């Protein structure tokens, strides 16, 4: 797993005006790492913009980026298997086996067509977008992520809050037990 320091990210973060006469600027690109390093590691996690944990995956020649914590219960997706369901590549959360499409962030589930008919026939359905997906770009061997800054809430957002990270990841002091 490759982790970048915030100083390294800041020094490689770029943004530029969309045009010389425009006062608006393009969304910020956040440096993740060298493509060759990401290809070798297959998965890289990084705290982007000081607030968002992003997982960048390399699979079958393609780069994908998403929030690193599963929308369902905060499982660490960097440890999930990548599988294909009905022709769609998904990461499978290692905690509860939720399936999330790599390209769209949709949650998939297997539905039963008619529960009264045996044998049961199932098909894959979408729950809609549940995981925030981010845009990955490559420039001269450097990989960047542009955060999805849509104001519409997505279920994985809850695991991106400082409150969640502080409560779940702070180190608990060891308590010495008394011998009787």
N, C-alpha and C. Protein backbone atom coordinates (compact mmCIF):
# COMPACT_ATOMS: atom_id res chain seq x y z
N UNK A 1 0.84 -1.17 0.00
CA UNK A 1 0.00 0.00 0.00
C UNK A 1 0.89 1.23 0.00
N UNK A 2 0.62 2.20 -0.85
CA UNK A 2 1.40 3.42 -0.94
C UNK A 2 0.62 4.54 -0.27
N UNK A 3 1.24 5.22 0.66
CA UNK A 3 0.62 6.38 1.31
C UNK A 3 1.51 7.59 1.04
N UNK A 4 0.91 8.71 0.73
CA UNK A 4 1.65 9.95 0.47
C UNK A 4 1.47 10.89 1.65
N UNK A 5 2.50 11.66 1.94
CA UNK A 5 2.38 12.66 2.99
C UNK A 5 1.58 13.85 2.48
N UNK A 6 1.02 14.63 3.42
CA UNK A 6 0.24 15.79 2.99
C UNK A 6 1.13 16.83 2.33
N UNK A 7 2.41 16.90 2.74
CA UNK A 7 3.32 17.85 2.10
C UNK A 7 3.55 17.47 0.64
N UNK A 8 3.72 16.13 0.40
CA UNK A 8 3.94 15.68 -0.96
C UNK A 8 2.71 15.96 -1.81
N UNK A 9 1.51 15.74 -1.23
CA UNK A 9 0.28 16.02 -1.96
C UNK A 9 0.18 17.50 -2.29
N UNK A 10 0.41 18.35 -1.30
CA UNK A 10 0.28 19.79 -1.49
C UNK A 10 1.24 20.28 -2.57
N UNK A 11 2.46 19.75 -2.58
CA UNK A 11 3.42 20.22 -3.55
C UNK A 11 3.07 19.76 -4.96
N UNK A 12 2.25 18.73 -5.10
CA UNK A 12 1.90 18.23 -6.42
C UNK A 12 0.48 18.57 -6.82
N UNK A 13 -0.29 19.23 -5.96
CA UNK A 13 -1.67 19.59 -6.28
C UNK A 13 -1.66 20.76 -7.24
N UNK A 14 -2.54 20.72 -8.22
CA UNK A 14 -2.56 21.80 -9.19
C UNK A 14 -3.98 22.23 -9.49
N UNK A 15 -4.12 23.48 -9.81
CA UNK A 15 -5.39 23.99 -10.35
C UNK A 15 -5.03 25.15 -11.25
N UNK A 16 -5.87 25.36 -12.23
CA UNK A 16 -5.59 26.45 -13.15
C UNK A 16 -6.90 27.03 -13.65
N UNK A 17 -6.88 28.29 -14.08
CA UNK A 17 -8.11 28.89 -14.60
C UNK A 17 -8.58 28.17 -15.85
N UNK A 18 -9.89 28.11 -16.03
CA UNK A 18 -10.45 27.45 -17.20
C UNK A 18 -10.14 28.22 -18.48
N UNK A 19 -10.01 29.53 -18.38
CA UNK A 19 -9.59 30.35 -19.51
C UNK A 19 -9.04 31.66 -18.96
N UNK A 20 -8.18 32.32 -19.71
CA UNK A 20 -7.58 33.56 -19.22
C UNK A 20 -8.60 34.62 -18.84
N UNK A 21 -9.75 34.66 -19.52
CA UNK A 21 -10.73 35.69 -19.23
C UNK A 21 -11.77 35.26 -18.19
N UNK A 22 -11.68 34.03 -17.74
CA UNK A 22 -12.68 33.51 -16.80
C UNK A 22 -12.19 33.64 -15.37
N UNK A 23 -13.10 33.99 -14.45
CA UNK A 23 -12.72 34.09 -13.04
C UNK A 23 -12.91 32.75 -12.34
N UNK A 24 -13.63 31.81 -12.98
CA UNK A 24 -13.79 30.49 -12.37
C UNK A 24 -12.58 29.63 -12.70
N UNK A 25 -12.33 28.63 -11.85
CA UNK A 25 -11.19 27.77 -12.11
C UNK A 25 -11.65 26.33 -12.23
N UNK A 26 -10.81 25.55 -12.87
CA UNK A 26 -11.08 24.13 -12.99
C UNK A 26 -11.00 23.49 -11.62
N UNK A 27 -11.67 22.36 -11.43
CA UNK A 27 -11.55 21.65 -10.15
C UNK A 27 -10.10 21.27 -9.90
N UNK A 28 -9.75 21.17 -8.64
CA UNK A 28 -8.38 20.86 -8.24
C UNK A 28 -8.05 19.40 -8.50
N UNK A 29 -6.88 19.19 -9.08
CA UNK A 29 -6.37 17.84 -9.27
C UNK A 29 -5.41 17.53 -8.13
N UNK A 30 -5.59 16.39 -7.48
CA UNK A 30 -4.76 15.99 -6.35
C UNK A 30 -3.83 14.87 -6.79
N UNK A 31 -2.54 15.09 -6.62
CA UNK A 31 -1.53 14.10 -7.00
C UNK A 31 -1.65 12.87 -6.11
N UNK A 32 -1.73 11.70 -6.74
CA UNK A 32 -1.82 10.44 -6.00
C UNK A 32 -0.49 9.71 -6.02
N UNK A 33 0.15 9.67 -7.18
CA UNK A 33 1.43 8.98 -7.29
C UNK A 33 1.78 8.73 -8.73
N UNK A 34 2.88 8.06 -8.91
CA UNK A 34 3.32 7.66 -10.25
C UNK A 34 2.52 6.46 -10.70
N UNK A 35 2.11 6.46 -11.96
CA UNK A 35 1.30 5.36 -12.47
C UNK A 35 2.01 4.03 -12.30
N UNK A 36 3.29 3.99 -12.57
CA UNK A 36 4.02 2.71 -12.45
C UNK A 36 3.97 2.17 -11.03
N UNK A 37 4.00 3.05 -10.03
CA UNK A 37 3.91 2.61 -8.64
C UNK A 37 2.51 2.10 -8.31
N UNK A 38 1.50 2.77 -8.85
CA UNK A 38 0.11 2.35 -8.60
C UNK A 38 -0.17 1.02 -9.30
N UNK A 39 0.32 0.86 -10.52
CA UNK A 39 0.15 -0.40 -11.24
C UNK A 39 0.80 -1.53 -10.45
N UNK A 40 1.98 -1.29 -9.94
CA UNK A 40 2.69 -2.32 -9.17
C UNK A 40 1.94 -2.65 -7.87
N UNK A 41 1.46 -1.64 -7.16
CA UNK A 41 0.77 -1.85 -5.88
C UNK A 41 -0.66 -2.35 -6.08
N UNK A 42 -1.27 -2.03 -7.23
CA UNK A 42 -2.67 -2.34 -7.56
C UNK A 42 -3.67 -1.49 -6.80
N UNK A 43 -3.34 -1.06 -5.58
CA UNK A 43 -4.25 -0.25 -4.77
C UNK A 43 -3.44 0.75 -3.95
N UNK A 44 -3.91 1.98 -3.94
CA UNK A 44 -3.26 3.04 -3.18
C UNK A 44 -4.34 3.81 -2.44
N UNK A 45 -4.12 4.08 -1.17
CA UNK A 45 -5.05 4.92 -0.42
C UNK A 45 -4.34 6.21 -0.06
N UNK A 46 -5.13 7.28 -0.01
CA UNK A 46 -4.55 8.58 0.30
C UNK A 46 -5.61 9.49 0.89
N UNK A 47 -5.23 10.26 1.89
CA UNK A 47 -6.08 11.31 2.42
C UNK A 47 -5.92 12.51 1.50
N UNK A 48 -6.99 12.86 0.81
CA UNK A 48 -6.95 13.92 -0.19
C UNK A 48 -7.61 15.17 0.37
N UNK A 49 -6.98 16.30 0.12
CA UNK A 49 -7.52 17.59 0.52
C UNK A 49 -7.71 17.69 2.04
N UNK A 50 -7.00 16.83 2.77
CA UNK A 50 -7.05 16.85 4.22
C UNK A 50 -8.34 16.33 4.81
N UNK A 51 -9.25 15.81 3.96
CA UNK A 51 -10.56 15.43 4.49
C UNK A 51 -11.17 14.18 3.89
N UNK A 52 -10.65 13.68 2.80
CA UNK A 52 -11.32 12.57 2.12
C UNK A 52 -10.34 11.43 1.90
N UNK A 53 -10.68 10.24 2.42
CA UNK A 53 -9.85 9.06 2.18
C UNK A 53 -10.28 8.44 0.86
N UNK A 54 -9.33 8.37 -0.07
CA UNK A 54 -9.62 7.90 -1.42
C UNK A 54 -8.80 6.64 -1.70
N UNK A 55 -9.45 5.68 -2.33
CA UNK A 55 -8.81 4.46 -2.79
C UNK A 55 -8.69 4.55 -4.30
N UNK A 56 -7.46 4.40 -4.80
CA UNK A 56 -7.23 4.36 -6.24
C UNK A 56 -6.83 2.92 -6.58
N UNK A 57 -7.56 2.33 -7.53
CA UNK A 57 -7.35 0.95 -7.94
C UNK A 57 -6.88 0.88 -9.37
N UNK A 58 -6.01 -0.07 -9.64
CA UNK A 58 -5.63 -0.37 -11.02
C UNK A 58 -6.10 -1.80 -11.30
N UNK A 59 -7.00 -1.95 -12.28
CA UNK A 59 -7.52 -3.27 -12.60
C UNK A 59 -7.77 -3.37 -14.10
N UNK A 60 -7.26 -4.41 -14.72
CA UNK A 60 -7.43 -4.67 -16.15
C UNK A 60 -7.12 -3.44 -17.01
N UNK A 61 -6.01 -2.78 -16.69
CA UNK A 61 -5.56 -1.64 -17.49
C UNK A 61 -6.26 -0.34 -17.22
N UNK A 62 -7.14 -0.30 -16.24
CA UNK A 62 -7.94 0.89 -15.95
C UNK A 62 -7.70 1.36 -14.52
N UNK A 63 -7.72 2.69 -14.32
CA UNK A 63 -7.63 3.28 -12.99
C UNK A 63 -9.01 3.72 -12.52
N UNK A 64 -9.32 3.45 -11.27
CA UNK A 64 -10.59 3.83 -10.66
C UNK A 64 -10.29 4.50 -9.32
N UNK A 65 -11.16 5.41 -8.88
CA UNK A 65 -11.01 6.04 -7.57
C UNK A 65 -12.38 6.15 -6.90
N UNK A 66 -12.38 5.89 -5.60
CA UNK A 66 -13.62 5.95 -4.82
C UNK A 66 -13.27 6.20 -3.37
N UNK A 67 -14.29 6.57 -2.58
CA UNK A 67 -14.10 6.65 -1.13
C UNK A 67 -13.63 5.28 -0.65
N UNK A 68 -12.71 5.27 0.28
CA UNK A 68 -12.10 4.00 0.70
C UNK A 68 -12.97 3.19 1.65
N UNK A 69 -13.93 3.81 2.31
CA UNK A 69 -14.79 3.10 3.27
C UNK A 69 -16.13 2.76 2.62
N UNK A 70 -16.56 1.51 2.77
CA UNK A 70 -17.82 1.04 2.19
C UNK A 70 -19.01 1.82 2.74
N UNK A 71 -19.94 2.13 1.87
CA UNK A 71 -21.13 2.89 2.25
C UNK A 71 -21.99 2.20 3.30
N UNK A 72 -21.93 0.89 3.37
CA UNK A 72 -22.84 0.15 4.24
C UNK A 72 -22.47 0.26 5.71
N UNK A 73 -21.19 -0.01 6.02
CA UNK A 73 -20.81 -0.06 7.43
C UNK A 73 -19.37 0.39 7.66
N UNK A 74 -18.76 1.02 6.66
CA UNK A 74 -17.42 1.56 6.82
C UNK A 74 -16.29 0.57 6.61
N UNK A 75 -16.58 -0.58 6.02
CA UNK A 75 -15.53 -1.57 5.75
C UNK A 75 -14.45 -1.00 4.86
N UNK A 76 -13.22 -1.43 5.07
CA UNK A 76 -12.08 -0.91 4.31
C UNK A 76 -12.01 -1.59 2.94
N UNK A 77 -12.39 -0.88 1.90
CA UNK A 77 -12.47 -1.45 0.56
C UNK A 77 -11.11 -1.81 -0.03
N UNK A 78 -10.04 -1.27 0.51
CA UNK A 78 -8.72 -1.63 -0.03
C UNK A 78 -8.44 -3.12 0.12
N UNK A 79 -9.16 -3.79 1.02
CA UNK A 79 -8.99 -5.22 1.22
C UNK A 79 -10.03 -6.06 0.48
N UNK A 80 -10.89 -5.41 -0.31
CA UNK A 80 -11.96 -6.14 -1.02
C UNK A 80 -11.48 -6.77 -2.31
N UNK A 81 -12.12 -7.88 -2.66
CA UNK A 81 -11.84 -8.55 -3.93
C UNK A 81 -12.55 -7.81 -5.05
N UNK A 82 -11.99 -7.89 -6.25
CA UNK A 82 -12.65 -7.34 -7.43
C UNK A 82 -13.21 -8.51 -8.22
N UNK A 83 -14.52 -8.46 -8.47
CA UNK A 83 -15.21 -9.52 -9.19
C UNK A 83 -16.15 -8.90 -10.22
N UNK A 84 -16.57 -9.73 -11.16
CA UNK A 84 -17.51 -9.27 -12.18
C UNK A 84 -18.89 -9.85 -11.89
N UNK A 85 -19.92 -8.98 -11.90
CA UNK A 85 -21.29 -9.39 -11.69
C UNK A 85 -22.12 -8.86 -12.85
N UNK A 86 -22.68 -9.76 -13.62
CA UNK A 86 -23.50 -9.40 -14.77
C UNK A 86 -22.76 -8.44 -15.72
N UNK A 87 -21.47 -8.73 -15.91
CA UNK A 87 -20.65 -7.93 -16.82
C UNK A 87 -20.14 -6.63 -16.26
N UNK A 88 -20.32 -6.40 -14.95
CA UNK A 88 -19.88 -5.14 -14.34
C UNK A 88 -18.83 -5.43 -13.28
N UNK A 89 -17.71 -4.71 -13.38
CA UNK A 89 -16.65 -4.89 -12.38
C UNK A 89 -17.05 -4.24 -11.07
N UNK A 90 -16.87 -4.99 -9.99
CA UNK A 90 -17.25 -4.52 -8.65
C UNK A 90 -16.14 -4.82 -7.66
N UNK A 91 -16.08 -4.00 -6.63
CA UNK A 91 -15.27 -4.33 -5.47
C UNK A 91 -16.24 -4.89 -4.45
N UNK A 92 -15.82 -5.96 -3.78
CA UNK A 92 -16.66 -6.62 -2.80
C UNK A 92 -16.13 -6.28 -1.42
N UNK A 93 -16.97 -5.63 -0.62
CA UNK A 93 -16.54 -5.22 0.71
C UNK A 93 -16.16 -6.46 1.52
N UNK A 94 -14.99 -6.44 2.15
CA UNK A 94 -14.56 -7.62 2.92
C UNK A 94 -15.37 -7.86 4.19
N UNK A 95 -16.11 -6.87 4.68
CA UNK A 95 -16.86 -7.03 5.91
C UNK A 95 -18.18 -7.76 5.70
N UNK A 96 -19.02 -7.28 4.80
CA UNK A 96 -20.37 -7.84 4.63
C UNK A 96 -20.68 -8.25 3.20
N UNK A 97 -19.66 -8.24 2.34
CA UNK A 97 -19.77 -8.71 0.95
C UNK A 97 -20.67 -7.86 0.07
N UNK A 98 -20.84 -6.58 0.40
CA UNK A 98 -21.59 -5.68 -0.46
C UNK A 98 -20.82 -5.48 -1.76
N UNK A 99 -21.52 -5.44 -2.88
CA UNK A 99 -20.91 -5.29 -4.20
C UNK A 99 -21.10 -3.86 -4.67
N UNK A 100 -19.98 -3.22 -5.07
CA UNK A 100 -20.01 -1.82 -5.50
C UNK A 100 -19.33 -1.73 -6.86
N UNK A 101 -20.03 -1.17 -7.85
CA UNK A 101 -19.43 -1.06 -9.18
C UNK A 101 -18.27 -0.07 -9.14
N UNK A 102 -17.19 -0.43 -9.82
CA UNK A 102 -16.00 0.42 -9.84
C UNK A 102 -16.23 1.72 -10.59
N UNK A 103 -16.97 1.66 -11.68
CA UNK A 103 -17.13 2.83 -12.54
C UNK A 103 -18.17 3.83 -12.04
N UNK A 104 -19.26 3.34 -11.43
CA UNK A 104 -20.35 4.24 -11.06
C UNK A 104 -20.58 4.37 -9.56
N UNK A 105 -20.10 3.41 -8.76
CA UNK A 105 -20.36 3.44 -7.32
C UNK A 105 -21.74 2.91 -6.96
N UNK A 106 -22.35 2.16 -7.86
CA UNK A 106 -23.67 1.60 -7.58
C UNK A 106 -23.55 0.37 -6.68
N UNK A 107 -24.48 0.23 -5.75
CA UNK A 107 -24.58 -0.99 -4.96
C UNK A 107 -25.41 -2.00 -5.74
N UNK A 108 -24.90 -3.21 -5.87
CA UNK A 108 -25.63 -4.26 -6.58
C UNK A 108 -26.14 -5.31 -5.59
N UNK A 109 -27.28 -5.87 -5.91
CA UNK A 109 -27.81 -6.97 -5.11
C UNK A 109 -28.46 -7.98 -6.04
N UNK A 110 -28.61 -9.20 -5.54
CA UNK A 110 -29.22 -10.25 -6.34
C UNK A 110 -30.68 -10.40 -5.93
N UNK A 111 -31.57 -10.15 -6.90
CA UNK A 111 -33.01 -10.22 -6.65
C UNK A 111 -33.56 -11.55 -7.16
N UNK A 112 -34.61 -12.02 -6.50
CA UNK A 112 -35.29 -13.24 -6.90
C UNK A 112 -36.47 -12.84 -7.78
N UNK A 113 -36.56 -13.45 -8.97
CA UNK A 113 -37.63 -13.09 -9.90
C UNK A 113 -39.01 -13.43 -9.33
N UNK A 114 -39.21 -14.67 -8.89
CA UNK A 114 -40.50 -15.09 -8.33
C UNK A 114 -40.20 -16.11 -7.24
N UNK A 115 -40.34 -15.72 -5.98
CA UNK A 115 -39.96 -16.61 -4.88
C UNK A 115 -40.81 -17.87 -4.76
N UNK A 116 -41.94 -17.93 -5.47
CA UNK A 116 -42.80 -19.11 -5.38
C UNK A 116 -42.44 -20.17 -6.40
N UNK A 117 -41.60 -19.85 -7.37
CA UNK A 117 -41.21 -20.79 -8.42
C UNK A 117 -39.85 -21.38 -8.10
N UNK A 118 -39.80 -22.73 -8.10
CA UNK A 118 -38.55 -23.43 -7.84
C UNK A 118 -38.05 -24.04 -9.14
N UNK A 119 -36.78 -24.07 -9.46
CA UNK A 119 -35.72 -23.44 -8.68
C UNK A 119 -35.79 -21.92 -8.80
N UNK A 120 -35.28 -21.27 -7.78
CA UNK A 120 -35.28 -19.80 -7.77
C UNK A 120 -34.42 -19.26 -8.90
N UNK A 121 -34.92 -18.24 -9.57
CA UNK A 121 -34.15 -17.57 -10.62
C UNK A 121 -33.83 -16.16 -10.13
N UNK A 122 -32.56 -15.82 -10.19
CA UNK A 122 -32.13 -14.52 -9.68
C UNK A 122 -31.53 -13.68 -10.80
N UNK A 123 -31.46 -12.39 -10.54
CA UNK A 123 -30.78 -11.47 -11.45
C UNK A 123 -30.22 -10.31 -10.63
N UNK A 124 -29.20 -9.64 -11.19
CA UNK A 124 -28.54 -8.54 -10.48
C UNK A 124 -29.27 -7.23 -10.72
N UNK A 125 -29.48 -6.50 -9.64
CA UNK A 125 -30.16 -5.20 -9.70
C UNK A 125 -29.30 -4.14 -9.02
N UNK A 126 -29.57 -2.89 -9.36
CA UNK A 126 -28.85 -1.78 -8.76
C UNK A 126 -29.68 -1.14 -7.65
N UNK A 127 -29.00 -0.76 -6.57
CA UNK A 127 -29.63 0.02 -5.50
C UNK A 127 -29.47 1.51 -5.77
N UNK A 128 -28.76 1.85 -6.85
CA UNK A 128 -28.42 3.24 -7.14
C UNK A 128 -27.01 3.54 -6.65
N UNK A 129 -26.58 4.76 -6.85
CA UNK A 129 -25.23 5.16 -6.44
C UNK A 129 -25.17 5.23 -4.92
N UNK A 130 -24.25 4.49 -4.35
CA UNK A 130 -24.08 4.43 -2.89
C UNK A 130 -22.67 4.86 -2.47
N UNK A 131 -21.71 4.70 -3.36
CA UNK A 131 -20.30 4.98 -3.06
C UNK A 131 -19.85 6.16 -3.92
N UNK A 132 -19.21 7.15 -3.30
CA UNK A 132 -18.73 8.30 -4.07
C UNK A 132 -17.53 7.89 -4.90
N UNK A 133 -17.65 8.12 -6.20
CA UNK A 133 -16.61 7.81 -7.18
C UNK A 133 -15.94 9.13 -7.57
N UNK A 134 -14.62 9.08 -7.76
CA UNK A 134 -13.86 10.27 -8.12
C UNK A 134 -13.19 10.06 -9.48
N UNK A 135 -12.94 11.15 -10.17
CA UNK A 135 -12.34 11.08 -11.51
C UNK A 135 -10.83 10.95 -11.41
N UNK A 136 -10.28 10.00 -12.16
CA UNK A 136 -8.84 9.77 -12.20
C UNK A 136 -8.31 10.26 -13.54
N UNK A 137 -7.21 11.02 -13.51
CA UNK A 137 -6.55 11.43 -14.74
C UNK A 137 -5.07 11.11 -14.63
N UNK A 138 -4.47 10.93 -15.78
CA UNK A 138 -3.04 10.66 -15.84
C UNK A 138 -2.39 11.68 -16.76
N UNK A 139 -1.24 12.18 -16.36
CA UNK A 139 -0.51 13.14 -17.16
C UNK A 139 0.98 12.84 -17.03
N UNK A 140 1.60 12.42 -18.12
CA UNK A 140 3.03 12.11 -18.14
C UNK A 140 3.45 11.15 -17.04
N UNK A 141 2.65 10.12 -16.82
CA UNK A 141 3.00 9.10 -15.82
C UNK A 141 2.60 9.45 -14.40
N UNK A 142 2.05 10.66 -14.17
CA UNK A 142 1.56 11.04 -12.85
C UNK A 142 0.05 10.83 -12.82
N UNK A 143 -0.45 10.31 -11.68
CA UNK A 143 -1.87 10.05 -11.53
C UNK A 143 -2.45 11.07 -10.56
N UNK A 144 -3.58 11.66 -10.98
CA UNK A 144 -4.28 12.66 -10.19
C UNK A 144 -5.73 12.24 -9.99
N UNK A 145 -6.33 12.72 -8.90
CA UNK A 145 -7.74 12.51 -8.65
C UNK A 145 -8.41 13.87 -8.53
N UNK A 146 -9.56 13.99 -9.18
CA UNK A 146 -10.41 15.16 -9.02
C UNK A 146 -11.59 14.68 -8.17
N UNK A 147 -11.73 15.25 -6.98
CA UNK A 147 -12.80 14.83 -6.09
C UNK A 147 -14.16 15.12 -6.68
N UNK A 148 -15.07 14.19 -6.48
CA UNK A 148 -16.47 14.37 -6.87
C UNK A 148 -17.08 15.29 -5.82
N UNK A 149 -17.32 16.52 -6.19
CA UNK A 149 -17.80 17.50 -5.21
C UNK A 149 -19.30 17.77 -5.35
N UNK A 150 -20.03 16.79 -5.88
CA UNK A 150 -21.47 16.93 -5.99
C UNK A 150 -22.07 17.21 -4.61
N UNK A 151 -23.01 18.14 -4.56
CA UNK A 151 -23.62 18.47 -3.27
C UNK A 151 -24.68 17.44 -2.86
N UNK A 152 -25.08 16.60 -3.80
CA UNK A 152 -26.03 15.54 -3.47
C UNK A 152 -25.35 14.54 -2.55
N UNK A 153 -25.97 14.25 -1.41
CA UNK A 153 -25.34 13.30 -0.48
C UNK A 153 -25.30 11.89 -1.08
N UNK A 154 -24.22 11.19 -0.78
CA UNK A 154 -24.04 9.80 -1.18
C UNK A 154 -23.73 9.04 0.10
N UNK A 155 -24.24 7.84 0.22
CA UNK A 155 -24.16 7.13 1.50
C UNK A 155 -22.74 6.96 2.03
N UNK A 156 -21.74 6.83 1.17
CA UNK A 156 -20.36 6.66 1.67
C UNK A 156 -19.83 7.93 2.34
N UNK A 157 -20.51 9.07 2.15
CA UNK A 157 -20.05 10.33 2.74
C UNK A 157 -19.96 10.26 4.26
N UNK A 158 -20.83 9.50 4.89
CA UNK A 158 -20.86 9.47 6.36
C UNK A 158 -19.53 9.00 6.95
N UNK A 159 -18.80 8.17 6.21
CA UNK A 159 -17.53 7.65 6.71
C UNK A 159 -16.36 8.55 6.35
N UNK A 160 -16.63 9.72 5.82
CA UNK A 160 -15.59 10.68 5.47
C UNK A 160 -15.50 11.83 6.47
N UNK A 161 -16.32 11.83 7.47
CA UNK A 161 -16.34 12.94 8.41
C UNK A 161 -15.21 12.82 9.43
N UNK A 162 -14.75 13.94 9.90
CA UNK A 162 -13.72 13.96 10.93
C UNK A 162 -14.23 13.27 12.20
N UNK A 163 -15.50 13.48 12.51
CA UNK A 163 -16.10 12.85 13.69
C UNK A 163 -15.98 11.33 13.61
N UNK A 164 -16.26 10.76 12.44
CA UNK A 164 -16.15 9.31 12.27
C UNK A 164 -14.71 8.86 12.43
N UNK A 165 -13.78 9.54 11.76
CA UNK A 165 -12.36 9.13 11.83
C UNK A 165 -11.83 9.23 13.25
N UNK A 166 -12.21 10.28 13.97
CA UNK A 166 -11.73 10.47 15.34
C UNK A 166 -12.27 9.39 16.26
N UNK A 167 -13.56 9.09 16.13
CA UNK A 167 -14.19 8.10 17.02
C UNK A 167 -13.71 6.68 16.73
N UNK A 168 -13.51 6.35 15.47
CA UNK A 168 -13.19 4.97 15.11
C UNK A 168 -11.71 4.65 15.10
N UNK A 169 -10.87 5.62 14.92
CA UNK A 169 -9.48 5.31 14.72
C UNK A 169 -8.54 5.84 15.78
N UNK A 170 -9.07 6.45 16.85
CA UNK A 170 -8.15 6.93 17.86
C UNK A 170 -7.61 5.74 18.66
N UNK A 171 -6.39 5.87 19.09
CA UNK A 171 -5.73 4.79 19.81
C UNK A 171 -6.27 4.73 21.23
N UNK A 172 -6.68 3.55 21.62
CA UNK A 172 -7.19 3.34 22.97
C UNK A 172 -6.01 3.05 23.89
N UNK A 173 -5.94 3.72 25.06
CA UNK A 173 -4.84 3.43 25.99
C UNK A 173 -4.99 2.02 26.54
N UNK A 174 -3.83 1.38 26.75
CA UNK A 174 -3.84 0.03 27.32
C UNK A 174 -4.10 0.14 28.81
N UNK A 175 -4.96 -0.74 29.28
CA UNK A 175 -5.29 -0.77 30.70
C UNK A 175 -4.58 -1.96 31.32
N UNK A 176 -3.83 -1.69 32.38
CA UNK A 176 -3.13 -2.78 33.05
C UNK A 176 -4.11 -3.48 33.98
N UNK A 177 -4.07 -4.79 33.91
CA UNK A 177 -4.97 -5.55 34.79
C UNK A 177 -4.24 -5.86 36.09
N UNK A 178 -4.99 -5.88 37.13
CA UNK A 178 -4.43 -6.18 38.45
C UNK A 178 -4.41 -7.69 38.64
N UNK A 179 -3.30 -8.16 39.19
CA UNK A 179 -3.22 -9.58 39.50
C UNK A 179 -3.88 -9.81 40.86
N UNK A 180 -4.63 -10.88 40.95
CA UNK A 180 -5.30 -11.20 42.20
C UNK A 180 -4.49 -12.12 43.04
